Structure formats: structure tokens, C-alpha cells
Amino acid sequence: MRRVASLRRQVDFARLRRQGRRVSTKSLTIYRSDAPAGDDGSLVGITVSKSIGKAVVRNKLRRRLSAIVREALASRAAVRLLLVARPVAADAQFSDLRAEVTSALGPA
């Protein structure tokens, strides 16, 4: 599977938080906006703070969310997406996280 391009700059994260549509779930807060006209690629940012746990836990959660997003965006139009993990996400099952992300993104 191909990697999804990442949001890199703090300005892009802040803009998405300010202007994007927010969906809150049990273990995630998801900010979403449509890609600008003429841009056909999706950009994704994943934020996992130190309140989640130690580095091993944070990286495992980041990898899980990355795999879920890659799968969810495979057949969708380009979007800007920011996932912010809550502490409860560290203990969530993969299938629960996938269900939350796909329901928050809506129909394809």
C-alpha cells in the first residue's frame, strides 16, 4: 500500500483545526476539510501527545491510525485530515478505531 502524504508544517495543523469540520468520537477528535481545487492528493496529520503513554504506546497508536487512514482514503476524493488521539485510544481495539474513523469520514 502507498503512504498517504503528511501534514508537515505547524501552520497547516493550525489552519485545519481552525477551519476544518470537527467530529469527536470516544477515542479521537477528527478535523476534516476538502482539498483545494486542483489538488488531487490527500494530506493527513496524526497527533498523539505524551498524555497517551510512553513512546512505544504512542508509536503503536500512530501506526494503527496510519494504516486505518490509508485504507479509508484509498477510494475517496482528496481531503485534508487531522486525527488527534485521546488517552482512551491507547487501549482501544483496532476494529473500534477503524469504525470510528470510517463513520467520522462518512460515505465514500
N, C-alpha and C. Protein backbone atom coordinates (compact mmCIF):
# COMPACT_ATOMS: atom_id res chain seq x y z
N MET A 1 0.82 -1.18 0.00
CA MET A 1 0.00 0.00 0.00
C MET A 1 0.87 1.25 0.00
N ARG A 2 0.37 2.28 -0.67
CA ARG A 2 1.10 3.52 -0.75
C ARG A 2 0.87 4.38 0.48
N ARG A 3 1.87 5.10 0.89
CA ARG A 3 1.73 6.01 2.02
C ARG A 3 0.89 7.21 1.64
N VAL A 4 0.21 7.77 2.62
CA VAL A 4 -0.54 8.99 2.42
C VAL A 4 0.38 10.14 2.79
N ALA A 5 0.36 11.21 2.00
CA ALA A 5 1.21 12.37 2.29
C ALA A 5 0.83 12.98 3.64
N SER A 6 1.82 13.50 4.35
CA SER A 6 1.61 14.00 5.70
C SER A 6 1.55 15.52 5.74
N LEU A 7 0.75 16.01 6.68
CA LEU A 7 0.81 17.42 7.02
C LEU A 7 2.13 17.62 7.74
N ARG A 8 2.89 18.62 7.37
CA ARG A 8 4.22 18.79 7.95
C ARG A 8 4.36 20.06 8.79
N ARG A 9 3.78 21.15 8.32
CA ARG A 9 4.01 22.44 8.97
C ARG A 9 2.96 22.71 10.05
N GLN A 10 3.41 23.36 11.11
CA GLN A 10 2.51 23.72 12.21
C GLN A 10 1.38 24.62 11.74
N VAL A 11 1.66 25.45 10.74
CA VAL A 11 0.65 26.34 10.18
C VAL A 11 -0.49 25.55 9.57
N ASP A 12 -0.17 24.45 8.89
CA ASP A 12 -1.20 23.61 8.28
C ASP A 12 -2.06 22.92 9.34
N PHE A 13 -1.44 22.47 10.43
CA PHE A 13 -2.18 21.87 11.52
C PHE A 13 -3.14 22.90 12.13
N ALA A 14 -2.63 24.09 12.39
CA ALA A 14 -3.44 25.15 12.99
C ALA A 14 -4.59 25.56 12.08
N ARG A 15 -4.33 25.69 10.79
CA ARG A 15 -5.38 26.07 9.84
C ARG A 15 -6.49 25.02 9.81
N LEU A 16 -6.11 23.77 9.81
CA LEU A 16 -7.10 22.69 9.78
C LEU A 16 -7.93 22.67 11.06
N ARG A 17 -7.30 22.92 12.19
CA ARG A 17 -8.04 22.98 13.45
C ARG A 17 -9.01 24.15 13.47
N ARG A 18 -8.60 25.26 12.88
CA ARG A 18 -9.42 26.46 12.88
C ARG A 18 -10.56 26.39 11.86
N GLN A 19 -10.27 25.89 10.66
CA GLN A 19 -11.24 25.96 9.57
C GLN A 19 -11.90 24.64 9.23
N GLY A 20 -11.37 23.54 9.71
CA GLY A 20 -11.92 22.23 9.36
C GLY A 20 -13.17 21.89 10.15
N ARG A 21 -13.92 20.93 9.65
CA ARG A 21 -15.08 20.42 10.38
C ARG A 21 -14.59 19.42 11.40
N ARG A 22 -15.10 19.55 12.62
CA ARG A 22 -14.64 18.69 13.71
C ARG A 22 -15.68 17.61 14.00
N VAL A 23 -15.18 16.39 14.16
CA VAL A 23 -16.01 15.26 14.58
C VAL A 23 -15.31 14.64 15.78
N SER A 24 -16.03 14.53 16.89
CA SER A 24 -15.47 13.93 18.09
C SER A 24 -16.05 12.54 18.30
N THR A 25 -15.17 11.60 18.56
CA THR A 25 -15.59 10.24 18.87
C THR A 25 -15.06 9.89 20.26
N LYS A 26 -15.28 8.68 20.68
CA LYS A 26 -14.85 8.25 22.01
C LYS A 26 -13.33 8.39 22.19
N SER A 27 -12.57 8.00 21.19
CA SER A 27 -11.12 7.99 21.35
C SER A 27 -10.36 8.92 20.41
N LEU A 28 -11.07 9.66 19.54
CA LEU A 28 -10.40 10.54 18.59
C LEU A 28 -11.18 11.84 18.41
N THR A 29 -10.46 12.88 18.04
CA THR A 29 -11.07 14.09 17.51
C THR A 29 -10.53 14.21 16.10
N ILE A 30 -11.43 14.33 15.13
CA ILE A 30 -11.03 14.34 13.73
C ILE A 30 -11.44 15.66 13.10
N TYR A 31 -10.47 16.34 12.50
CA TYR A 31 -10.70 17.58 11.77
C TYR A 31 -10.57 17.24 10.29
N ARG A 32 -11.53 17.74 9.50
CA ARG A 32 -11.55 17.39 8.08
C ARG A 32 -11.93 18.61 7.25
N SER A 33 -11.25 18.77 6.12
CA SER A 33 -11.65 19.78 5.14
C SER A 33 -11.34 19.23 3.76
N ASP A 34 -12.03 19.77 2.77
CA ASP A 34 -11.80 19.35 1.40
C ASP A 34 -10.48 19.92 0.91
N ALA A 35 -9.87 19.23 -0.03
CA ALA A 35 -8.62 19.70 -0.62
C ALA A 35 -8.91 20.90 -1.52
N PRO A 36 -7.96 21.82 -1.64
CA PRO A 36 -8.15 22.96 -2.54
C PRO A 36 -8.34 22.49 -3.98
N ALA A 37 -9.01 23.32 -4.76
CA ALA A 37 -9.26 22.99 -6.16
C ALA A 37 -7.92 22.77 -6.88
N GLY A 38 -7.88 21.74 -7.69
CA GLY A 38 -6.67 21.44 -8.44
C GLY A 38 -5.68 20.56 -7.71
N ASP A 39 -5.93 20.29 -6.44
CA ASP A 39 -5.04 19.43 -5.66
C ASP A 39 -5.69 18.06 -5.54
N ASP A 40 -5.04 17.04 -6.09
CA ASP A 40 -5.66 15.72 -6.11
C ASP A 40 -5.13 14.76 -5.05
N GLY A 41 -4.28 15.23 -4.16
CA GLY A 41 -3.73 14.35 -3.13
C GLY A 41 -4.25 14.69 -1.75
N SER A 42 -4.42 13.68 -0.93
CA SER A 42 -4.85 13.87 0.45
C SER A 42 -3.64 14.16 1.33
N LEU A 43 -3.84 14.97 2.36
CA LEU A 43 -2.82 15.23 3.36
C LEU A 43 -3.38 14.83 4.71
N VAL A 44 -2.60 14.11 5.50
CA VAL A 44 -3.06 13.59 6.78
C VAL A 44 -2.06 13.94 7.86
N GLY A 45 -2.57 14.37 9.00
CA GLY A 45 -1.75 14.61 10.18
C GLY A 45 -2.29 13.77 11.33
N ILE A 46 -1.40 13.19 12.10
CA ILE A 46 -1.80 12.38 13.26
C ILE A 46 -1.07 12.93 14.47
N THR A 47 -1.85 13.31 15.49
CA THR A 47 -1.27 13.87 16.71
C THR A 47 -1.53 12.91 17.86
N VAL A 48 -0.45 12.48 18.49
CA VAL A 48 -0.54 11.59 19.65
C VAL A 48 0.35 12.19 20.73
N SER A 49 -0.26 12.80 21.73
CA SER A 49 0.51 13.52 22.75
C SER A 49 1.10 12.58 23.80
N LYS A 50 1.96 13.12 24.62
CA LYS A 50 2.61 12.32 25.66
C LYS A 50 1.65 11.87 26.74
N SER A 51 0.46 12.48 26.80
CA SER A 51 -0.53 12.05 27.79
C SER A 51 -1.10 10.67 27.45
N ILE A 52 -0.85 10.19 26.24
CA ILE A 52 -1.32 8.87 25.82
C ILE A 52 -0.54 7.77 26.51
N GLY A 53 0.76 7.97 26.64
CA GLY A 53 1.60 6.95 27.25
C GLY A 53 3.04 7.12 26.83
N LYS A 54 3.83 6.10 27.06
CA LYS A 54 5.24 6.14 26.68
C LYS A 54 5.39 6.01 25.17
N ALA A 55 6.61 6.17 24.68
CA ALA A 55 6.89 6.22 23.25
C ALA A 55 6.41 4.98 22.50
N VAL A 56 6.57 3.81 23.10
CA VAL A 56 6.16 2.57 22.44
C VAL A 56 4.65 2.58 22.19
N VAL A 57 3.90 3.01 23.18
CA VAL A 57 2.43 3.07 23.07
C VAL A 57 2.02 4.11 22.03
N ARG A 58 2.64 5.28 22.09
CA ARG A 58 2.31 6.35 21.14
C ARG A 58 2.62 5.95 19.71
N ASN A 59 3.76 5.33 19.48
CA ASN A 59 4.13 4.92 18.13
C ASN A 59 3.23 3.80 17.61
N LYS A 60 2.85 2.88 18.47
CA LYS A 60 1.94 1.81 18.07
C LYS A 60 0.59 2.39 17.65
N LEU A 61 0.08 3.35 18.42
CA LEU A 61 -1.18 4.00 18.09
C LEU A 61 -1.06 4.80 16.79
N ARG A 62 0.05 5.47 16.60
CA ARG A 62 0.27 6.24 15.37
C ARG A 62 0.30 5.31 14.15
N ARG A 63 0.96 4.17 14.27
CA ARG A 63 1.00 3.21 13.16
C ARG A 63 -0.39 2.64 12.86
N ARG A 64 -1.15 2.34 13.91
CA ARG A 64 -2.51 1.84 13.72
C ARG A 64 -3.37 2.87 12.99
N LEU A 65 -3.32 4.12 13.45
CA LEU A 65 -4.13 5.16 12.82
C LEU A 65 -3.70 5.40 11.38
N SER A 66 -2.41 5.32 11.13
CA SER A 66 -1.91 5.50 9.77
C SER A 66 -2.44 4.41 8.84
N ALA A 67 -2.45 3.18 9.30
CA ALA A 67 -2.97 2.07 8.49
C ALA A 67 -4.46 2.23 8.24
N ILE A 68 -5.20 2.66 9.25
CA ILE A 68 -6.64 2.86 9.11
C ILE A 68 -6.94 3.97 8.10
N VAL A 69 -6.21 5.07 8.20
CA VAL A 69 -6.43 6.20 7.30
C VAL A 69 -6.06 5.82 5.87
N ARG A 70 -4.96 5.12 5.71
CA ARG A 70 -4.52 4.70 4.37
C ARG A 70 -5.61 3.85 3.71
N GLU A 71 -6.20 2.94 4.47
CA GLU A 71 -7.27 2.09 3.96
C GLU A 71 -8.54 2.90 3.68
N ALA A 72 -8.87 3.82 4.56
CA ALA A 72 -10.12 4.59 4.43
C ALA A 72 -10.06 5.59 3.27
N LEU A 73 -8.88 6.13 2.99
CA LEU A 73 -8.76 7.15 1.94
C LEU A 73 -8.46 6.57 0.56
N ALA A 74 -8.30 5.27 0.47
CA ALA A 74 -7.92 4.65 -0.80
C ALA A 74 -8.92 4.94 -1.92
N SER A 75 -10.19 4.98 -1.60
CA SER A 75 -11.21 5.16 -2.64
C SER A 75 -11.98 6.46 -2.49
N ARG A 76 -11.39 7.44 -1.85
CA ARG A 76 -12.09 8.72 -1.62
C ARG A 76 -11.41 9.86 -2.36
N ALA A 77 -12.14 10.95 -2.49
CA ALA A 77 -11.59 12.17 -3.06
C ALA A 77 -10.57 12.76 -2.09
N ALA A 78 -9.75 13.65 -2.59
CA ALA A 78 -8.69 14.26 -1.78
C ALA A 78 -9.28 15.09 -0.64
N VAL A 79 -8.72 14.92 0.55
CA VAL A 79 -9.14 15.66 1.73
C VAL A 79 -7.93 16.06 2.55
N ARG A 80 -8.13 16.97 3.46
CA ARG A 80 -7.16 17.31 4.49
C ARG A 80 -7.72 16.73 5.78
N LEU A 81 -6.92 15.97 6.49
CA LEU A 81 -7.41 15.23 7.64
C LEU A 81 -6.42 15.34 8.79
N LEU A 82 -6.94 15.61 9.99
CA LEU A 82 -6.12 15.64 11.19
C LEU A 82 -6.79 14.78 12.24
N LEU A 83 -6.06 13.79 12.74
CA LEU A 83 -6.56 12.92 13.79
C LEU A 83 -5.82 13.24 15.08
N VAL A 84 -6.56 13.55 16.13
CA VAL A 84 -5.98 13.83 17.43
C VAL A 84 -6.46 12.75 18.38
N ALA A 85 -5.51 11.97 18.89
CA ALA A 85 -5.84 10.83 19.75
C ALA A 85 -6.09 11.29 21.17
N ARG A 86 -7.06 10.65 21.80
CA ARG A 86 -7.34 10.87 23.21
C ARG A 86 -6.72 9.72 23.99
N PRO A 87 -6.49 9.89 25.29
CA PRO A 87 -5.84 8.82 26.08
C PRO A 87 -6.54 7.47 26.00
N VAL A 88 -7.85 7.45 25.84
CA VAL A 88 -8.59 6.20 25.76
C VAL A 88 -8.24 5.40 24.49
N ALA A 89 -7.69 6.07 23.49
CA ALA A 89 -7.36 5.42 22.21
C ALA A 89 -6.24 4.39 22.38
N ALA A 90 -5.39 4.56 23.37
CA ALA A 90 -4.28 3.63 23.58
C ALA A 90 -4.77 2.22 23.89
N ASP A 91 -5.92 2.12 24.53
CA ASP A 91 -6.46 0.81 24.92
C ASP A 91 -7.54 0.31 23.96
N ALA A 92 -7.86 1.09 22.94
CA ALA A 92 -8.94 0.71 22.01
C ALA A 92 -8.48 -0.39 21.06
N GLN A 93 -9.40 -1.23 20.67
CA GLN A 93 -9.13 -2.28 19.68
C GLN A 93 -9.00 -1.65 18.30
N PHE A 94 -8.24 -2.30 17.43
CA PHE A 94 -8.05 -1.83 16.06
C PHE A 94 -9.38 -1.68 15.34
N SER A 95 -10.26 -2.64 15.51
CA SER A 95 -11.56 -2.60 14.84
C SER A 95 -12.42 -1.44 15.33
N ASP A 96 -12.32 -1.10 16.61
CA ASP A 96 -13.06 0.04 17.15
C ASP A 96 -12.54 1.35 16.57
N LEU A 97 -11.21 1.47 16.49
CA LEU A 97 -10.63 2.68 15.90
C LEU A 97 -11.02 2.81 14.43
N ARG A 98 -10.99 1.70 13.70
CA ARG A 98 -11.38 1.73 12.29
C ARG A 98 -12.83 2.16 12.13
N ALA A 99 -13.70 1.63 12.97
CA ALA A 99 -15.12 2.00 12.90
C ALA A 99 -15.32 3.49 13.19
N GLU A 100 -14.59 4.03 14.14
CA GLU A 100 -14.71 5.44 14.47
C GLU A 100 -14.25 6.32 13.32
N VAL A 101 -13.13 5.97 12.70
CA VAL A 101 -12.61 6.78 11.61
C VAL A 101 -13.53 6.71 10.39
N THR A 102 -13.96 5.53 10.02
CA THR A 102 -14.82 5.40 8.84
C THR A 102 -16.18 6.07 9.05
N SER A 103 -16.73 5.99 10.25
CA SER A 103 -18.00 6.67 10.49
C SER A 103 -17.83 8.18 10.51
N ALA A 104 -16.69 8.66 10.99
CA ALA A 104 -16.45 10.11 11.02
C ALA A 104 -16.21 10.66 9.61
N LEU A 105 -15.64 9.85 8.73
CA LEU A 105 -15.39 10.32 7.37
C LEU A 105 -16.66 10.30 6.53
N GLY A 106 -17.65 9.52 6.92
CA GLY A 106 -18.89 9.47 6.18
C GLY A 106 -18.80 8.58 4.96
N PRO A 107 -19.85 8.60 4.12
CA PRO A 107 -19.86 7.73 2.94
C PRO A 107 -18.81 8.13 1.93
N ALA A 108 -18.34 7.16 1.16
CA ALA A 108 -17.27 7.39 0.18
C ALA A 108 -17.72 8.26 -0.96
